[in-house]
């Protein structure tokens, strides 16, 4: 049984070895061939084009996270819709109605978030 997994083990080992060697070569060549002229502006912390003005542990508005989560949910919805559309002939009406229930749940969740004001920015 181990003979079946041996080629996979060799493939993973060679990938790790090649990745480590190429990374070491790239870092070494960058250090040797690259020029470094550090000065205070290069060494300062940088955030979105302006200087940091508050503590890094400041609180964010929760709506930022709600919009991010909504984006992920609807992005995953699209990821499920493409294979469903391709296989619709083979899965028949059962698959069609299963997807309609899935989309219905997402629409209800979207309406709930919309009513709660998760998409409103002041």
N, C-alpha and C. Protein backbone atom coordinates (compact mmCIF):
# COMPACT_ATOMS: atom_id res chain seq x y z
N UNK A 1 0.82 -1.19 0.00
CA UNK A 1 0.00 0.00 0.00
C UNK A 1 0.86 1.25 0.00
N UNK A 2 1.99 1.20 0.69
CA UNK A 2 2.89 2.36 0.71
C UNK A 2 3.46 2.65 -0.67
N UNK A 3 3.56 1.62 -1.52
CA UNK A 3 4.07 1.82 -2.88
C UNK A 3 3.17 2.74 -3.69
N UNK A 4 1.89 2.78 -3.39
CA UNK A 4 0.98 3.65 -4.13
C UNK A 4 1.22 5.12 -3.82
N UNK A 5 1.67 5.43 -2.62
CA UNK A 5 1.86 6.82 -2.19
C UNK A 5 3.31 7.29 -2.34
N UNK A 6 4.21 6.39 -2.69
CA UNK A 6 5.62 6.77 -2.79
C UNK A 6 5.88 7.83 -3.86
N UNK A 7 5.28 7.73 -5.07
CA UNK A 7 5.50 8.80 -6.06
C UNK A 7 4.99 10.17 -5.57
N UNK A 8 3.90 10.17 -4.82
CA UNK A 8 3.39 11.44 -4.29
C UNK A 8 4.36 12.01 -3.27
N UNK A 9 4.91 11.15 -2.42
CA UNK A 9 5.90 11.57 -1.43
C UNK A 9 7.13 12.16 -2.11
N UNK A 10 7.59 11.51 -3.18
CA UNK A 10 8.75 12.04 -3.92
C UNK A 10 8.41 13.39 -4.54
N UNK A 11 7.21 13.51 -5.11
CA UNK A 11 6.79 14.77 -5.73
C UNK A 11 6.76 15.90 -4.70
N UNK A 12 6.18 15.66 -3.53
CA UNK A 12 6.11 16.67 -2.48
C UNK A 12 7.51 17.04 -1.99
N UNK A 13 8.35 16.03 -1.79
CA UNK A 13 9.72 16.29 -1.31
C UNK A 13 10.50 17.11 -2.33
N UNK A 14 10.39 16.77 -3.59
CA UNK A 14 11.12 17.53 -4.63
C UNK A 14 10.58 18.96 -4.72
N UNK A 15 9.29 19.13 -4.58
CA UNK A 15 8.73 20.49 -4.59
C UNK A 15 9.24 21.32 -3.44
N UNK A 16 9.29 20.73 -2.23
CA UNK A 16 9.81 21.46 -1.08
C UNK A 16 11.29 21.79 -1.24
N UNK A 17 12.05 20.83 -1.73
CA UNK A 17 13.49 21.05 -1.91
C UNK A 17 13.74 22.13 -2.96
N UNK A 18 13.04 22.03 -4.09
CA UNK A 18 13.23 23.03 -5.15
C UNK A 18 12.79 24.41 -4.69
N UNK A 19 11.68 24.47 -3.96
CA UNK A 19 11.23 25.76 -3.44
C UNK A 19 12.24 26.38 -2.50
N UNK A 20 12.79 25.58 -1.60
CA UNK A 20 13.78 26.10 -0.65
C UNK A 20 15.05 26.55 -1.36
N UNK A 21 15.51 25.76 -2.33
CA UNK A 21 16.74 26.11 -3.06
C UNK A 21 16.54 27.38 -3.86
N UNK A 22 15.42 27.49 -4.58
CA UNK A 22 15.17 28.69 -5.38
C UNK A 22 14.98 29.93 -4.51
N UNK A 23 14.36 29.76 -3.36
CA UNK A 23 14.22 30.88 -2.44
C UNK A 23 15.57 31.33 -1.92
N UNK A 24 16.41 30.38 -1.56
CA UNK A 24 17.75 30.73 -1.06
C UNK A 24 18.58 31.40 -2.15
N UNK A 25 18.48 30.90 -3.36
CA UNK A 25 19.24 31.51 -4.47
C UNK A 25 18.73 32.92 -4.72
N UNK A 26 17.40 33.10 -4.75
CA UNK A 26 16.84 34.43 -5.00
C UNK A 26 17.23 35.43 -3.93
N UNK A 27 17.16 35.01 -2.67
CA UNK A 27 17.54 35.91 -1.59
C UNK A 27 19.03 36.23 -1.64
N UNK A 28 19.83 35.23 -1.93
CA UNK A 28 21.28 35.45 -2.01
C UNK A 28 21.66 36.38 -3.15
N UNK A 29 21.08 36.15 -4.33
CA UNK A 29 21.38 37.02 -5.47
C UNK A 29 20.87 38.43 -5.23
N UNK A 30 19.72 38.56 -4.61
CA UNK A 30 19.21 39.90 -4.31
C UNK A 30 20.12 40.65 -3.35
N UNK A 31 20.67 39.94 -2.39
CA UNK A 31 21.57 40.57 -1.43
C UNK A 31 22.89 40.96 -2.09
N UNK A 32 23.38 40.10 -2.98
CA UNK A 32 24.68 40.36 -3.63
C UNK A 32 24.55 41.42 -4.71
N UNK A 33 23.56 41.27 -5.59
CA UNK A 33 23.46 42.16 -6.75
C UNK A 33 22.66 43.44 -6.48
N UNK A 34 21.79 43.42 -5.50
CA UNK A 34 20.95 44.58 -5.22
C UNK A 34 21.70 45.65 -4.47
N UNK A 35 21.29 46.89 -4.67
CA UNK A 35 21.91 47.99 -3.93
C UNK A 35 20.95 48.42 -2.82
N UNK A 36 21.50 48.74 -1.69
CA UNK A 36 20.69 49.13 -0.55
C UNK A 36 21.15 50.49 -0.05
N UNK A 37 20.23 51.44 -0.09
CA UNK A 37 20.52 52.78 0.43
C UNK A 37 19.43 53.15 1.42
N UNK A 38 19.47 52.60 2.61
CA UNK A 38 18.41 52.90 3.57
C UNK A 38 18.51 54.33 4.11
N UNK A 39 17.37 54.95 4.29
CA UNK A 39 17.30 56.24 4.97
C UNK A 39 15.99 56.28 5.75
N UNK A 40 15.79 57.31 6.53
CA UNK A 40 14.70 57.31 7.50
C UNK A 40 13.32 57.19 6.85
N UNK A 41 13.11 57.79 5.68
CA UNK A 41 11.79 57.69 5.04
C UNK A 41 11.50 56.26 4.59
N UNK A 42 12.53 55.54 4.13
CA UNK A 42 12.33 54.15 3.74
C UNK A 42 12.07 53.25 4.94
N UNK A 43 12.67 53.56 6.04
CA UNK A 43 12.56 52.72 7.23
C UNK A 43 11.31 53.01 8.06
N UNK A 44 10.58 54.07 7.75
CA UNK A 44 9.41 54.44 8.56
C UNK A 44 8.21 53.55 8.20
N UNK A 45 7.30 53.36 9.16
CA UNK A 45 6.10 52.57 8.87
C UNK A 45 5.22 53.29 7.85
N UNK A 46 4.59 52.53 7.00
CA UNK A 46 3.82 53.08 5.90
C UNK A 46 2.43 52.45 5.90
N UNK A 47 1.40 53.29 5.82
CA UNK A 47 0.03 52.78 5.82
C UNK A 47 -0.80 53.60 4.85
N UNK A 48 -1.12 53.06 3.72
CA UNK A 48 -2.05 53.67 2.76
C UNK A 48 -1.64 55.08 2.33
N UNK A 49 -0.38 55.37 2.24
CA UNK A 49 0.07 56.64 1.72
C UNK A 49 0.19 57.76 2.73
N UNK A 50 -0.13 57.51 3.99
CA UNK A 50 0.02 58.57 4.99
C UNK A 50 0.61 57.99 6.27
N UNK A 51 1.12 58.87 7.08
CA UNK A 51 1.74 58.45 8.33
C UNK A 51 0.70 57.87 9.29
N UNK A 52 1.13 56.92 10.07
CA UNK A 52 0.24 56.36 11.08
C UNK A 52 -0.08 57.45 12.11
N UNK A 53 -1.35 57.60 12.44
CA UNK A 53 -1.74 58.70 13.33
C UNK A 53 -2.34 58.22 14.64
N UNK A 54 -2.58 56.93 14.78
CA UNK A 54 -3.13 56.41 16.02
C UNK A 54 -2.46 55.09 16.36
N UNK A 55 -2.89 54.53 17.45
CA UNK A 55 -2.40 53.23 17.88
C UNK A 55 -2.87 52.15 16.89
N UNK A 56 -2.03 51.17 16.65
CA UNK A 56 -2.38 50.11 15.73
C UNK A 56 -3.52 49.24 16.26
N UNK A 57 -3.79 49.30 17.54
CA UNK A 57 -4.85 48.48 18.13
C UNK A 57 -6.16 49.26 18.27
N UNK A 58 -6.36 50.27 17.45
CA UNK A 58 -7.60 51.04 17.56
C UNK A 58 -8.78 50.21 17.04
N UNK A 59 -9.97 50.56 17.46
CA UNK A 59 -11.17 49.81 17.10
C UNK A 59 -11.65 50.22 15.72
N UNK A 60 -12.10 49.23 14.95
CA UNK A 60 -12.72 49.47 13.66
C UNK A 60 -14.22 49.37 13.80
N UNK A 61 -14.92 50.03 12.92
CA UNK A 61 -16.36 49.94 12.88
C UNK A 61 -16.75 48.52 12.45
N UNK A 62 -17.73 47.95 13.10
CA UNK A 62 -18.13 46.57 12.83
C UNK A 62 -18.71 46.44 11.42
N UNK A 63 -19.21 47.52 10.85
CA UNK A 63 -19.77 47.45 9.51
C UNK A 63 -18.72 47.08 8.47
N UNK A 64 -17.47 47.42 8.73
CA UNK A 64 -16.40 47.03 7.81
C UNK A 64 -16.35 45.51 7.71
N UNK A 65 -16.43 44.84 8.85
CA UNK A 65 -16.38 43.38 8.86
C UNK A 65 -17.65 42.78 8.26
N UNK A 66 -18.80 43.40 8.49
CA UNK A 66 -20.04 42.89 7.91
C UNK A 66 -19.99 42.94 6.39
N UNK A 67 -19.50 44.02 5.84
CA UNK A 67 -19.39 44.12 4.38
C UNK A 67 -18.40 43.09 3.86
N UNK A 68 -17.30 42.88 4.57
CA UNK A 68 -16.32 41.88 4.14
C UNK A 68 -16.92 40.48 4.17
N UNK A 69 -17.68 40.16 5.20
CA UNK A 69 -18.31 38.85 5.29
C UNK A 69 -19.36 38.69 4.20
N UNK A 70 -20.14 39.73 3.94
CA UNK A 70 -21.13 39.66 2.87
C UNK A 70 -20.46 39.44 1.52
N UNK A 71 -19.32 40.09 1.30
CA UNK A 71 -18.60 39.89 0.05
C UNK A 71 -18.17 38.44 -0.09
N UNK A 72 -17.64 37.86 0.98
CA UNK A 72 -17.19 36.47 0.93
C UNK A 72 -18.37 35.54 0.67
N UNK A 73 -19.49 35.79 1.33
CA UNK A 73 -20.67 34.93 1.14
C UNK A 73 -21.13 34.97 -0.31
N UNK A 74 -21.25 36.15 -0.89
CA UNK A 74 -21.76 36.23 -2.25
C UNK A 74 -20.70 35.81 -3.28
N UNK A 75 -19.45 35.91 -2.92
CA UNK A 75 -18.40 35.38 -3.78
C UNK A 75 -18.48 33.86 -3.82
N UNK A 76 -18.72 33.24 -2.69
CA UNK A 76 -18.89 31.79 -2.65
C UNK A 76 -20.16 31.34 -3.37
N UNK A 77 -21.17 32.18 -3.31
CA UNK A 77 -22.40 31.86 -4.05
C UNK A 77 -22.10 31.73 -5.53
N UNK A 78 -21.34 32.64 -6.06
CA UNK A 78 -20.98 32.58 -7.48
C UNK A 78 -20.14 31.34 -7.76
N UNK A 79 -19.28 30.97 -6.83
CA UNK A 79 -18.46 29.76 -7.01
C UNK A 79 -19.35 28.51 -7.08
N UNK A 80 -20.50 28.51 -6.40
CA UNK A 80 -21.41 27.38 -6.48
C UNK A 80 -22.31 27.45 -7.72
N UNK A 81 -22.57 28.64 -8.22
CA UNK A 81 -23.47 28.78 -9.35
C UNK A 81 -22.87 28.29 -10.67
N UNK A 82 -21.59 28.48 -10.88
CA UNK A 82 -20.98 28.06 -12.15
C UNK A 82 -21.04 26.55 -12.36
N UNK A 83 -20.58 25.73 -11.41
CA UNK A 83 -20.68 24.28 -11.64
C UNK A 83 -22.14 23.82 -11.71
N UNK A 84 -23.01 24.47 -10.96
CA UNK A 84 -24.42 24.12 -11.01
C UNK A 84 -24.99 24.37 -12.40
N UNK A 85 -24.65 25.49 -13.00
CA UNK A 85 -25.16 25.83 -14.33
C UNK A 85 -24.63 24.86 -15.38
N UNK A 86 -23.39 24.42 -15.22
CA UNK A 86 -22.81 23.49 -16.20
C UNK A 86 -23.46 22.11 -16.07
N UNK A 87 -23.74 21.67 -14.85
CA UNK A 87 -24.27 20.32 -14.62
C UNK A 87 -25.78 20.29 -14.52
N UNK A 88 -26.47 21.34 -14.88
CA UNK A 88 -27.92 21.41 -14.69
C UNK A 88 -28.65 20.32 -15.47
N UNK A 89 -28.18 19.98 -16.66
CA UNK A 89 -28.82 18.92 -17.44
C UNK A 89 -28.78 17.58 -16.71
N UNK A 90 -27.67 17.32 -16.02
CA UNK A 90 -27.47 16.01 -15.40
C UNK A 90 -28.14 15.90 -14.03
N UNK A 91 -28.31 16.99 -13.34
CA UNK A 91 -28.86 16.90 -11.98
C UNK A 91 -30.38 17.04 -11.97
N UNK A 92 -30.95 17.52 -13.03
CA UNK A 92 -32.40 17.54 -13.17
C UNK A 92 -33.10 18.55 -12.26
N UNK A 93 -34.39 18.29 -12.05
CA UNK A 93 -35.21 19.22 -11.27
C UNK A 93 -34.85 19.21 -9.79
N UNK A 94 -34.36 18.09 -9.29
CA UNK A 94 -33.95 18.05 -7.88
C UNK A 94 -32.82 19.03 -7.63
N UNK A 95 -31.83 19.03 -8.51
CA UNK A 95 -30.72 19.97 -8.38
C UNK A 95 -31.17 21.41 -8.58
N UNK A 96 -32.11 21.60 -9.50
CA UNK A 96 -32.63 22.95 -9.73
C UNK A 96 -33.28 23.50 -8.47
N UNK A 97 -34.17 22.72 -7.86
CA UNK A 97 -34.88 23.21 -6.67
C UNK A 97 -33.97 23.31 -5.47
N UNK A 98 -32.96 22.46 -5.38
CA UNK A 98 -31.98 22.59 -4.29
C UNK A 98 -31.25 23.92 -4.40
N UNK A 99 -30.89 24.31 -5.61
CA UNK A 99 -30.20 25.60 -5.80
C UNK A 99 -31.16 26.75 -5.54
N UNK A 100 -32.42 26.60 -5.89
CA UNK A 100 -33.39 27.67 -5.62
C UNK A 100 -33.55 27.88 -4.11
N UNK A 101 -33.55 26.78 -3.35
CA UNK A 101 -33.63 26.91 -1.89
C UNK A 101 -32.38 27.60 -1.36
N UNK A 102 -31.21 27.21 -1.89
CA UNK A 102 -29.94 27.83 -1.49
C UNK A 102 -29.96 29.33 -1.78
N UNK A 103 -30.40 29.70 -2.98
CA UNK A 103 -30.46 31.11 -3.35
C UNK A 103 -31.52 31.85 -2.52
N UNK A 104 -32.61 31.18 -2.20
CA UNK A 104 -33.64 31.79 -1.37
C UNK A 104 -33.10 32.13 0.02
N UNK A 105 -32.35 31.20 0.60
CA UNK A 105 -31.76 31.46 1.92
C UNK A 105 -30.80 32.64 1.84
N UNK A 106 -30.01 32.71 0.77
CA UNK A 106 -29.08 33.83 0.61
C UNK A 106 -29.81 35.15 0.43
N UNK A 107 -30.89 35.13 -0.31
CA UNK A 107 -31.66 36.37 -0.52
C UNK A 107 -32.28 36.83 0.79
N UNK A 108 -32.82 35.89 1.57
CA UNK A 108 -33.40 36.26 2.87
C UNK A 108 -32.31 36.85 3.78
N UNK A 109 -31.13 36.24 3.78
CA UNK A 109 -30.02 36.78 4.58
C UNK A 109 -29.59 38.15 4.10
N UNK A 110 -29.56 38.34 2.79
CA UNK A 110 -29.19 39.64 2.24
C UNK A 110 -30.20 40.71 2.63
N UNK A 111 -31.49 40.38 2.54
CA UNK A 111 -32.53 41.34 2.92
C UNK A 111 -32.43 41.67 4.40
N UNK A 112 -32.16 40.66 5.22
CA UNK A 112 -31.99 40.89 6.66
C UNK A 112 -30.85 41.86 6.93
N UNK A 113 -29.70 41.63 6.28
CA UNK A 113 -28.55 42.51 6.46
C UNK A 113 -28.85 43.91 5.95
N UNK A 114 -29.57 44.01 4.86
CA UNK A 114 -29.92 45.31 4.29
C UNK A 114 -30.83 46.08 5.26
N UNK A 115 -31.81 45.38 5.83
CA UNK A 115 -32.72 46.02 6.78
C UNK A 115 -32.01 46.44 8.06
N UNK A 116 -31.01 45.65 8.48
CA UNK A 116 -30.26 45.97 9.69
C UNK A 116 -29.29 47.14 9.47
N UNK A 117 -29.07 47.51 8.21
CA UNK A 117 -28.19 48.64 7.92
C UNK A 117 -26.73 48.28 7.77
N UNK A 118 -26.45 47.02 7.50
CA UNK A 118 -25.05 46.60 7.36
C UNK A 118 -24.40 47.19 6.12
N UNK A 119 -25.19 47.59 5.16
CA UNK A 119 -24.63 48.13 3.90
C UNK A 119 -24.62 49.64 3.87
N UNK A 120 -25.07 50.28 4.92
CA UNK A 120 -25.13 51.74 4.98
C UNK A 120 -23.82 52.31 5.54
N UNK A 121 -23.27 53.29 4.87
CA UNK A 121 -22.09 54.00 5.35
C UNK A 121 -22.46 55.45 5.58
N UNK A 122 -22.11 55.95 6.75
CA UNK A 122 -22.42 57.34 7.05
C UNK A 122 -21.25 58.24 6.75
